[in-house]
Amino acid sequence: MPELPEVETVANGVHERTHGQVIEAVWTSGKPQTFKSPPEEIAETLTGARIDKIHRVGKTIVCDLTQAEEEKAQFLIHLGMTGRLLVSEPDVPMPPHTHAVLTLSGGREIRFVDARRFGRLSVHHLAAHAEKYEGPGREPLTISVEDFIALFRGRKTPIKAALLNQSLLHGVGNIYADESLFRAGIRPRRQAGRLNRAELSKLREALTVVLKHAIQLGGSSVSDYVDADGVRGFFQLEHKVYSRTGKPCVVCGTPIKKITVGGRSTHFCPACQK
């Protein structure tokens, strides 16, 4: 599943190519699993609206829209496991499993493609909701040290599971939890509430560094992920532990171990992480 860096990369790419344009027409496949809002409501909300900004909130791509009479709305895209949001010329062949096409005033199309249909499309009407969509948890790139430490105070769950809890920090997934814990020198099964202030501060710093570096490299392409132009990311070349089971640690040479934490595959160095 695309995590924060991948979603950020896609959102930035689509924004650069489409902001300021008007959505002239909307086509949807009507497949029920894909649409959190009814397809008819999505089409009605988007048609004729101007794209003001496309950005990321957690793992969700948010498209800020201005409709007729200056009414505001948001189009929310969650990529799920295999979702892709592509900006294409209209003469480019339509990929299989395309579930939504937005025709833009500039001549291009925004296409949502999702083979397994775990992604979700919905609209958020600001006339009905006083607040813009903010996601389920705190933003890991901007959270303060004090607030980060407070998130884990008294929690008995393993720190790896806590990092994946989207109601605490939204956007962090399996890859970047493993990579951050390695860089912070913390074992993934340690109880979150027993980590001291220094360890949590180091973990926050490691998480921020890893996420920002991954964004710079366009995310990690370990499965279906590509950016808005269909280009794969490069951060998978920088992975220290994720999916490196049995390979030597890049720091000490100890073979990387794979365990399960909270039902998720977890990779760590038994020597470097305490």
Protein backbone atom coordinates (compact mmCIF):
# COMPACT_ATOMS: atom_id res chain seq x y z
CA MET A 1 0.00 0.00 0.00
CA PRO A 2 1.40 3.45 -0.86
CA GLU A 3 2.54 5.24 2.28
CA LEU A 4 3.13 8.92 3.07
CA PRO A 5 6.10 9.52 0.71
CA GLU A 6 4.39 7.80 -2.23
CA VAL A 7 1.10 9.66 -1.69
CA GLU A 8 2.97 12.96 -1.29
CA THR A 9 4.87 12.34 -4.53
CA VAL A 10 1.69 11.56 -6.46
CA ALA A 11 -0.20 14.54 -5.00
CA ASN A 12 2.63 16.96 -5.81
CA GLY A 13 2.94 15.63 -9.35
CA VAL A 14 -0.78 15.88 -10.11
CA HIS A 15 -0.92 19.38 -8.57
CA GLU A 16 1.93 20.65 -10.76
CA ARG A 17 0.18 19.44 -13.91
CA THR A 18 -3.45 20.32 -13.17
CA HIS A 19 -3.95 23.12 -10.62
CA GLY A 20 -6.00 26.05 -11.89
CA GLN A 21 -7.75 23.94 -14.52
CA VAL A 22 -11.48 23.25 -14.66
CA ILE A 23 -12.93 19.76 -14.63
CA GLU A 24 -15.11 19.73 -17.75
CA ALA A 25 -16.42 16.17 -17.58
CA VAL A 26 -16.36 13.16 -15.25
CA TRP A 27 -16.62 9.49 -16.15
CA THR A 28 -16.82 6.71 -13.53
CA SER A 29 -16.92 2.95 -13.89
CA GLY A 30 -19.64 2.58 -11.28
CA LYS A 31 -17.86 -0.32 -9.57
CA PRO A 32 -19.30 -0.23 -6.04
CA GLN A 33 -16.14 -1.10 -4.13
CA THR A 34 -14.33 1.95 -5.48
CA PHE A 35 -16.75 4.69 -4.46
CA LYS A 36 -17.21 5.81 -0.88
CA SER A 37 -19.52 8.57 -2.16
CA PRO A 38 -22.11 7.72 -4.86
CA PRO A 39 -20.63 8.09 -8.37
CA GLU A 40 -23.46 10.46 -9.28
CA GLU A 41 -22.56 12.75 -6.38
CA ILE A 42 -18.89 12.69 -7.34
CA ALA A 43 -19.69 13.62 -10.95
CA GLU A 44 -22.07 16.40 -9.92
CA THR A 45 -19.58 17.86 -7.43
CA LEU A 46 -16.57 17.76 -9.75
CA THR A 47 -18.07 18.81 -13.08
CA GLY A 48 -17.42 22.51 -13.67
CA ALA A 49 -15.24 22.87 -10.56
CA ARG A 50 -11.79 24.49 -10.59
CA ILE A 51 -8.84 22.63 -9.12
CA ASP A 52 -7.26 24.98 -6.58
CA LYS A 53 -4.77 22.65 -4.94
CA ILE A 54 -3.91 18.97 -4.73
CA HIS A 55 -2.11 17.87 -1.59
CA ARG A 56 -1.69 15.02 0.86
CA VAL A 57 -3.39 14.46 4.22
CA GLY A 58 -2.09 11.25 5.79
CA LYS A 59 -2.43 8.60 3.08
CA THR A 60 -5.21 10.48 1.30
CA ILE A 61 -4.83 12.72 -1.76
CA VAL A 62 -7.02 15.79 -1.32
CA CYS A 63 -8.17 17.92 -4.25
CA ASP A 64 -9.42 21.34 -3.14
CA LEU A 65 -12.15 22.57 -5.49
CA THR A 66 -14.04 25.78 -6.11
CA GLN A 67 -17.47 25.19 -7.60
CA ALA A 68 -19.93 27.60 -9.17
CA GLU A 69 -20.85 30.54 -6.94
CA GLU A 70 -17.50 30.06 -5.16
CA GLU A 71 -18.70 27.10 -3.13
CA LYS A 72 -15.89 24.91 -1.82
CA ALA A 73 -15.57 21.13 -1.85
CA GLN A 74 -12.87 18.49 -1.65
CA PHE A 75 -12.32 15.36 -3.71
CA LEU A 76 -10.66 12.63 -1.63
CA ILE A 77 -8.64 9.84 -3.24
CA HIS A 78 -7.28 6.93 -1.23
CA LEU A 79 -5.02 4.73 -3.36
CA GLY A 80 -5.53 1.53 -1.35
CA MET A 81 -3.22 -1.34 -2.29
CA THR A 82 -2.86 -0.87 -6.05
CA GLY A 83 -4.42 2.51 -6.87
CA ARG A 84 -2.73 4.89 -9.33
CA LEU A 85 -3.58 8.52 -10.07
CA LEU A 86 -2.21 9.41 -13.49
CA VAL A 87 -2.19 12.58 -15.59
CA SER A 88 -2.46 11.54 -19.24
CA GLU A 89 -3.04 12.91 -22.71
CA PRO A 90 -6.46 11.80 -24.02
CA ASP A 91 -4.94 9.80 -26.89
CA VAL A 92 -2.94 7.59 -24.49
CA PRO A 93 -4.70 4.18 -24.35
CA MET A 94 -6.88 3.78 -21.28
CA PRO A 95 -5.25 1.36 -18.80
CA PRO A 96 -7.23 -1.68 -17.68
CA HIS A 97 -9.06 -1.22 -14.38
CA THR A 98 -9.61 2.52 -14.89
CA HIS A 99 -12.46 3.60 -12.59
CA ALA A 100 -12.58 7.38 -12.99
CA VAL A 101 -11.54 9.89 -15.66
CA LEU A 102 -11.62 13.66 -15.15
CA THR A 103 -11.42 15.64 -18.39
CA LEU A 104 -9.63 18.95 -17.81
CA SER A 105 -9.86 22.32 -19.55
CA GLY A 106 -6.16 22.09 -20.42
CA GLY A 107 -6.78 19.01 -22.55
CA ARG A 108 -5.32 16.37 -20.26
CA GLU A 109 -7.11 13.78 -18.16
CA ILE A 110 -6.74 12.66 -14.55
CA ARG A 111 -7.24 8.90 -14.43
CA PHE A 112 -7.77 6.73 -11.35
CA VAL A 113 -6.65 3.16 -12.00
CA ASP A 114 -7.02 0.39 -9.42
CA ALA A 115 -6.72 -3.31 -10.26
CA ARG A 116 -7.78 -4.69 -6.88
CA ARG A 117 -10.34 -1.96 -6.10
CA PHE A 118 -9.23 -1.34 -2.51
CA GLY A 119 -8.90 2.38 -3.26
CA ARG A 120 -11.70 4.79 -2.42
CA LEU A 121 -13.06 7.97 -4.02
CA SER A 122 -15.31 10.39 -2.16
CA VAL A 123 -16.34 14.04 -1.91
CA HIS A 124 -16.30 16.29 1.15
CA HIS A 125 -18.66 19.27 0.99
CA LEU A 126 -17.41 22.21 3.05
CA ALA A 127 -20.91 23.69 3.14
CA ALA A 128 -21.97 20.63 5.13
CA HIS A 129 -18.72 20.28 7.11
CA ALA A 130 -17.25 23.31 8.83
CA GLU A 131 -13.72 21.92 8.67
CA LYS A 132 -11.59 20.73 5.79
CA TYR A 133 -10.59 17.09 5.77
CA GLU A 134 -7.80 16.64 8.31
CA GLY A 135 -7.32 12.88 8.44
CA PRO A 136 -7.53 10.48 11.38
CA GLY A 137 -4.28 11.28 13.24
CA ARG A 138 -1.36 13.67 13.62
CA GLU A 139 0.94 14.66 10.75
CA PRO A 140 4.34 12.98 11.29
CA LEU A 141 6.29 15.64 9.36
CA THR A 142 5.11 18.54 11.51
CA ILE A 143 4.32 17.08 14.94
CA SER A 144 6.37 18.58 17.79
CA VAL A 145 8.67 16.52 20.00
CA GLU A 146 6.38 16.97 23.00
CA ASP A 147 3.27 15.92 21.12
CA PHE A 148 5.08 12.95 19.59
CA ILE A 149 6.18 11.72 23.02
CA ALA A 150 2.67 12.21 24.40
CA LEU A 151 1.18 9.97 21.69
CA PHE A 152 2.87 6.88 23.12
CA ARG A 153 2.66 7.64 26.85
CA GLY A 154 1.15 4.68 28.72
CA ARG A 155 0.59 2.57 25.61
CA LYS A 156 1.20 -1.16 26.06
CA THR A 157 1.29 -2.02 22.37
CA PRO A 158 4.60 -2.67 20.57
CA ILE A 159 6.12 0.51 19.18
CA LYS A 160 5.90 -0.89 15.62
CA ALA A 161 2.14 -1.41 15.99
CA ALA A 162 1.75 2.05 17.53
CA LEU A 163 3.54 3.67 14.59
CA LEU A 164 1.08 1.97 12.22
CA ASN A 165 -1.95 3.19 14.19
CA GLN A 166 -3.38 5.80 11.82
CA SER A 167 -5.39 7.41 14.63
CA LEU A 168 -2.05 8.38 16.23
CA LEU A 169 0.16 9.23 13.24
CA HIS A 170 -1.45 9.16 9.82
CA GLY A 171 0.56 8.20 6.79
CA VAL A 172 3.20 5.92 8.34
CA GLY A 173 3.11 2.36 7.02
CA ASN A 174 5.14 -0.83 7.18
CA ILE A 175 8.17 0.27 5.17
CA TYR A 176 8.84 3.54 6.95
CA ALA A 177 8.08 2.20 10.42
CA ASP A 178 10.73 -0.51 9.94
CA GLU A 179 13.27 1.89 8.44
CA SER A 180 12.75 4.52 11.16
CA LEU A 181 13.00 2.03 14.01
CA PHE A 182 16.27 0.75 12.56
CA ARG A 183 17.75 4.22 12.32
CA ALA A 184 16.61 4.99 15.87
CA GLY A 185 18.09 1.70 17.16
CA ILE A 186 14.79 0.53 18.68
CA ARG A 187 13.44 -3.02 18.51
CA PRO A 188 9.95 -3.18 16.99
CA ARG A 189 8.44 -5.31 19.79
CA ARG A 190 9.37 -2.95 22.61
CA GLN A 191 6.37 -1.59 24.47
CA ALA A 192 5.64 1.93 23.27
CA GLY A 193 4.88 3.29 26.72
CA ARG A 194 8.22 2.09 28.12
CA LEU A 195 10.38 4.01 25.67
CA ASN A 196 12.08 6.93 27.38
CA ARG A 197 12.11 10.53 26.26
CA ALA A 198 15.50 10.27 24.56
CA GLU A 199 14.46 7.18 22.59
CA LEU A 200 11.19 8.73 21.42
CA SER A 201 12.93 11.95 20.46
CA LYS A 202 15.44 9.94 18.42
CA LEU A 203 12.60 7.97 16.80
CA ARG A 204 10.76 11.15 15.81
CA GLU A 205 13.93 12.54 14.24
CA ALA A 206 14.60 9.27 12.39
CA LEU A 207 11.02 9.12 11.13
CA THR A 208 11.17 12.68 9.84
CA VAL A 209 14.52 12.12 8.09
CA VAL A 210 13.38 8.85 6.49
CA LEU A 211 10.07 10.28 5.24
CA LYS A 212 11.65 13.44 3.79
CA HIS A 213 14.42 11.48 2.07
CA ALA A 214 11.87 9.06 0.63
CA ILE A 215 9.84 11.97 -0.74
CA GLN A 216 12.99 13.35 -2.40
CA LEU A 217 13.52 9.98 -4.10
CA GLY A 218 9.91 9.67 -5.24
CA GLY A 219 8.89 7.00 -2.73
CA SER A 220 9.45 3.24 -2.69
CA SER A 221 8.37 1.08 -5.62
CA VAL A 222 8.19 -2.42 -4.14
CA SER A 223 4.90 -3.41 -5.80
CA ASP A 224 2.53 -1.42 -8.06
CA TYR A 225 3.39 2.13 -7.03
CA VAL A 226 4.19 4.74 -9.69
CA ASP A 227 3.95 8.53 -9.65
CA ALA A 228 1.59 10.78 -11.65
CA ASP A 229 3.61 10.13 -14.83
CA GLY A 230 3.77 6.37 -14.29
CA VAL A 231 7.40 6.51 -13.09
CA ARG A 232 8.67 4.27 -10.28
CA GLY A 233 10.31 5.66 -7.13
CA PHE A 234 13.87 5.00 -5.94
CA PHE A 235 13.81 4.86 -2.13
CA GLN A 236 13.66 1.04 -2.19
CA LEU A 237 17.34 1.25 -3.10
CA GLU A 238 17.94 2.93 0.28
CA HIS A 239 16.14 0.36 2.45
CA LYS A 240 18.31 -0.78 5.35
CA VAL A 241 16.06 -3.53 6.77
CA TYR A 242 12.69 -3.67 4.98
CA SER A 243 12.41 -6.83 2.83
CA ARG A 244 16.11 -7.66 3.48
CA THR A 245 15.49 -10.84 5.49
CA GLY A 246 18.72 -12.84 5.93
CA LYS A 247 20.90 -10.22 4.27
CA PRO A 248 23.72 -8.63 6.30
CA CYS A 249 22.99 -5.45 8.20
CA VAL A 250 24.57 -2.49 6.42
CA VAL A 251 26.04 -1.34 9.76
CA CYS A 252 27.19 -4.46 11.61
CA GLY A 253 26.79 -7.39 9.20
CA THR A 254 24.30 -9.31 11.36
CA PRO A 255 21.61 -11.04 9.26
CA ILE A 256 18.35 -9.08 9.19
CA LYS A 257 15.48 -10.89 10.93
CA LYS A 258 11.82 -11.00 9.95
CA ILE A 259 9.09 -11.34 12.57
CA THR A 260 5.40 -10.51 12.80
CA VAL A 261 4.20 -7.60 14.91
CA GLY A 262 0.51 -6.74 15.04
CA GLY A 263 -0.10 -9.02 12.08
CA ARG A 264 2.44 -7.20 9.91
CA SER A 265 5.77 -8.45 8.57
CA THR A 266 8.53 -6.64 10.42
CA HIS A 267 12.24 -6.43 9.64
CA PHE A 268 15.02 -5.45 12.04
CA CYS A 269 18.66 -5.94 13.00
CA PRO A 270 18.96 -7.95 16.24
CA ALA A 271 22.35 -6.36 16.98
CA CYS A 272 21.77 -2.69 16.15
CA GLN A 273 18.25 -2.42 17.59
CA LYS A 274 17.88 -2.76 21.36
